Amino acid sequence: MRYPATGRVSVAAKPGDYVYPNDVRMNAQNDLLYVKASGLAAGIWQETWLFEYDLRRQQLVARQEVVEGALPAECPEVISRQ
């Protein structure tokens, strides 16, 4: 995350090697950002992580490993036409 007012940069989710963010959602009412990351950890075993980032406090609130099928379907990809 980059905060233009202060120039501060903060990492919302750092899942690890070969595990990549693949879905991002925001709870605008509570200023929370949720990041789902999944992939082959160390190139060997499947992992899925869910990160909760507080936009007001500008810090990671929670990081939890989850079972892949336990989360809602990913949001469809949006392609910008410029």
C-alpha atoms as a PDB file:
ATOM      1  CA  MET A   1       0.000   0.000   0.000  1.00  0.00           C
ATOM      2  CA  ARG A   2       1.212   3.492  -0.769  1.00  0.00           C
ATOM      3  CA  TYR A   3      -0.283   6.383   1.180  1.00  0.00           C
ATOM      4  CA  PRO A   4       0.023   9.551  -0.954  1.00  0.00           C
ATOM      5  CA  ALA A   5      -0.588  11.943   1.958  1.00  0.00           C
ATOM      6  CA  THR A   6       2.464  10.708   3.881  1.00  0.00           C
ATOM      7  CA  GLY A   7       4.473   8.847   1.244  1.00  0.00           C
ATOM      8  CA  ARG A   8       4.455   5.818   3.567  1.00  0.00           C
ATOM      9  CA  VAL A   9       4.649   2.373   1.959  1.00  0.00           C
ATOM     10  CA  SER A  10       3.300  -0.686   3.777  1.00  0.00           C
ATOM     11  CA  VAL A  11       2.998  -4.334   2.716  1.00  0.00           C
ATOM     12  CA  ALA A  12      -0.599  -5.551   3.019  1.00  0.00           C
ATOM     13  CA  ALA A  13       0.196  -9.229   2.355  1.00  0.00           C
ATOM     14  CA  LYS A  14       3.455 -11.176   2.154  1.00  0.00           C
ATOM     15  CA  PRO A  15       2.496 -14.829   1.670  1.00  0.00           C
ATOM     16  CA  GLY A  16       5.898 -16.358   0.856  1.00  0.00           C
ATOM     17  CA  ASP A  17       7.700 -18.052  -2.028  1.00  0.00           C
ATOM     18  CA  TYR A  18       5.501 -19.192  -4.929  1.00  0.00           C
ATOM     19  CA  VAL A  19       2.310 -18.202  -3.080  1.00  0.00           C
ATOM     20  CA  TYR A  20       0.784 -15.211  -4.850  1.00  0.00           C
ATOM     21  CA  PRO A  21      -2.102 -12.825  -4.166  1.00  0.00           C
ATOM     22  CA  ASN A  22      -5.005 -13.798  -6.417  1.00  0.00           C
ATOM     23  CA  ASP A  23      -8.052 -12.033  -4.964  1.00  0.00           C
ATOM     24  CA  VAL A  24      -8.442  -8.668  -3.219  1.00  0.00           C
ATOM     25  CA  ARG A  25     -11.595  -7.355  -1.559  1.00  0.00           C
ATOM     26  CA  MET A  26     -12.382  -4.298   0.499  1.00  0.00           C
ATOM     27  CA  ASN A  27     -14.806  -3.641   3.325  1.00  0.00           C
ATOM     28  CA  ALA A  28     -15.229   0.099   2.735  1.00  0.00           C
ATOM     29  CA  GLN A  29     -17.474   0.583   5.767  1.00  0.00           C
ATOM     30  CA  ASN A  30     -14.721  -0.576   8.145  1.00  0.00           C
ATOM     31  CA  ASP A  31     -11.695   0.363   5.974  1.00  0.00           C
ATOM     32  CA  LEU A  32     -10.435  -3.218   5.838  1.00  0.00           C
ATOM     33  CA  LEU A  33      -8.625  -4.830   2.921  1.00  0.00           C
ATOM     34  CA  TYR A  34      -8.705  -8.612   2.457  1.00  0.00           C
ATOM     35  CA  VAL A  35      -6.138 -10.415   0.323  1.00  0.00           C
ATOM     36  CA  LYS A  36      -6.319 -14.098  -0.602  1.00  0.00           C
ATOM     37  CA  ALA A  37      -3.045 -15.686  -1.701  1.00  0.00           C
ATOM     38  CA  SER A  38      -2.498 -19.244  -2.877  1.00  0.00           C
ATOM     39  CA  GLY A  39       0.069 -21.365  -4.649  1.00  0.00           C
ATOM     40  CA  LEU A  40       2.712 -24.031  -4.205  1.00  0.00           C
ATOM     41  CA  ALA A  41       4.703 -23.063  -1.115  1.00  0.00           C
ATOM     42  CA  ALA A  42       8.405 -23.677  -1.741  1.00  0.00           C
ATOM     43  CA  GLY A  43       7.217 -25.164  -5.047  1.00  0.00           C
ATOM     44  CA  ILE A  44       6.062 -28.316  -3.214  1.00  0.00           C
ATOM     45  CA  TRP A  45       2.738 -28.116  -1.335  1.00  0.00           C
ATOM     46  CA  GLN A  46      -0.454 -26.120  -1.881  1.00  0.00           C
ATOM     47  CA  GLU A  47      -1.178 -23.288   0.574  1.00  0.00           C
ATOM     48  CA  THR A  48      -3.919 -20.681   0.779  1.00  0.00           C
ATOM     49  CA  TRP A  49      -3.650 -17.653   3.078  1.00  0.00           C
ATOM     50  CA  LEU A  50      -6.098 -14.885   3.952  1.00  0.00           C
ATOM     51  CA  PHE A  51      -4.743 -11.509   5.082  1.00  0.00           C
ATOM     52  CA  GLU A  52      -6.720  -8.735   6.773  1.00  0.00           C
ATOM     53  CA  TYR A  53      -5.189  -5.263   6.541  1.00  0.00           C
ATOM     54  CA  ASP A  54      -6.523  -2.225   8.432  1.00  0.00           C
ATOM     55  CA  LEU A  55      -6.380   0.814   6.151  1.00  0.00           C
ATOM     56  CA  ARG A  56      -6.982   3.296   8.997  1.00  0.00           C
ATOM     57  CA  ARG A  57      -4.197   1.993  11.244  1.00  0.00           C
ATOM     58  CA  GLN A  58      -2.074   1.111   8.201  1.00  0.00           C
ATOM     59  CA  GLN A  59      -1.109  -2.314   9.498  1.00  0.00           C
ATOM     60  CA  LEU A  60      -1.711  -6.026   9.044  1.00  0.00           C
ATOM     61  CA  VAL A  61      -4.389  -7.213  11.481  1.00  0.00           C
ATOM     62  CA  ALA A  62      -4.509 -10.948  10.781  1.00  0.00           C
ATOM     63  CA  ARG A  63      -2.901 -13.674   8.686  1.00  0.00           C
ATOM     64  CA  GLN A  64      -4.587 -17.075   8.606  1.00  0.00           C
ATOM     65  CA  GLU A  65      -3.952 -20.213   6.576  1.00  0.00           C
ATOM     66  CA  VAL A  66      -7.265 -21.510   5.220  1.00  0.00           C
ATOM     67  CA  VAL A  67      -8.625 -24.526   3.373  1.00  0.00           C
ATOM     68  CA  GLU A  68      -8.966 -23.572  -0.313  1.00  0.00           C
ATOM     69  CA  GLY A  69     -12.630 -24.578  -0.684  1.00  0.00           C
ATOM     70  CA  ALA A  70     -13.705 -22.739   2.494  1.00  0.00           C
ATOM     71  CA  LEU A  71     -13.592 -19.274   0.891  1.00  0.00           C
ATOM     72  CA  PRO A  72     -16.111 -17.717  -1.521  1.00  0.00           C
ATOM     73  CA  ALA A  73     -15.361 -17.843  -5.250  1.00  0.00           C
ATOM     74  CA  GLU A  74     -12.786 -15.324  -6.483  1.00  0.00           C
ATOM     75  CA  CYS A  75     -13.946 -12.088  -8.046  1.00  0.00           C
ATOM     76  CA  PRO A  76     -13.826 -12.070 -11.849  1.00  0.00           C
ATOM     77  CA  GLU A  77     -10.886 -10.279 -13.419  1.00  0.00           C
ATOM     78  CA  VAL A  78     -11.662  -6.792 -14.699  1.00  0.00           C
ATOM     79  CA  ILE A  79      -9.837  -5.650 -17.818  1.00  0.00           C
ATOM     80  CA  SER A  80      -9.514  -1.900 -18.212  1.00  0.00           C
ATOM     81  CA  ARG A  81     -10.068  -0.473 -21.691  1.00  0.00           C
ATOM     82  CA  GLN A  82      -7.991   2.644 -22.182  1.00  0.00           C
END
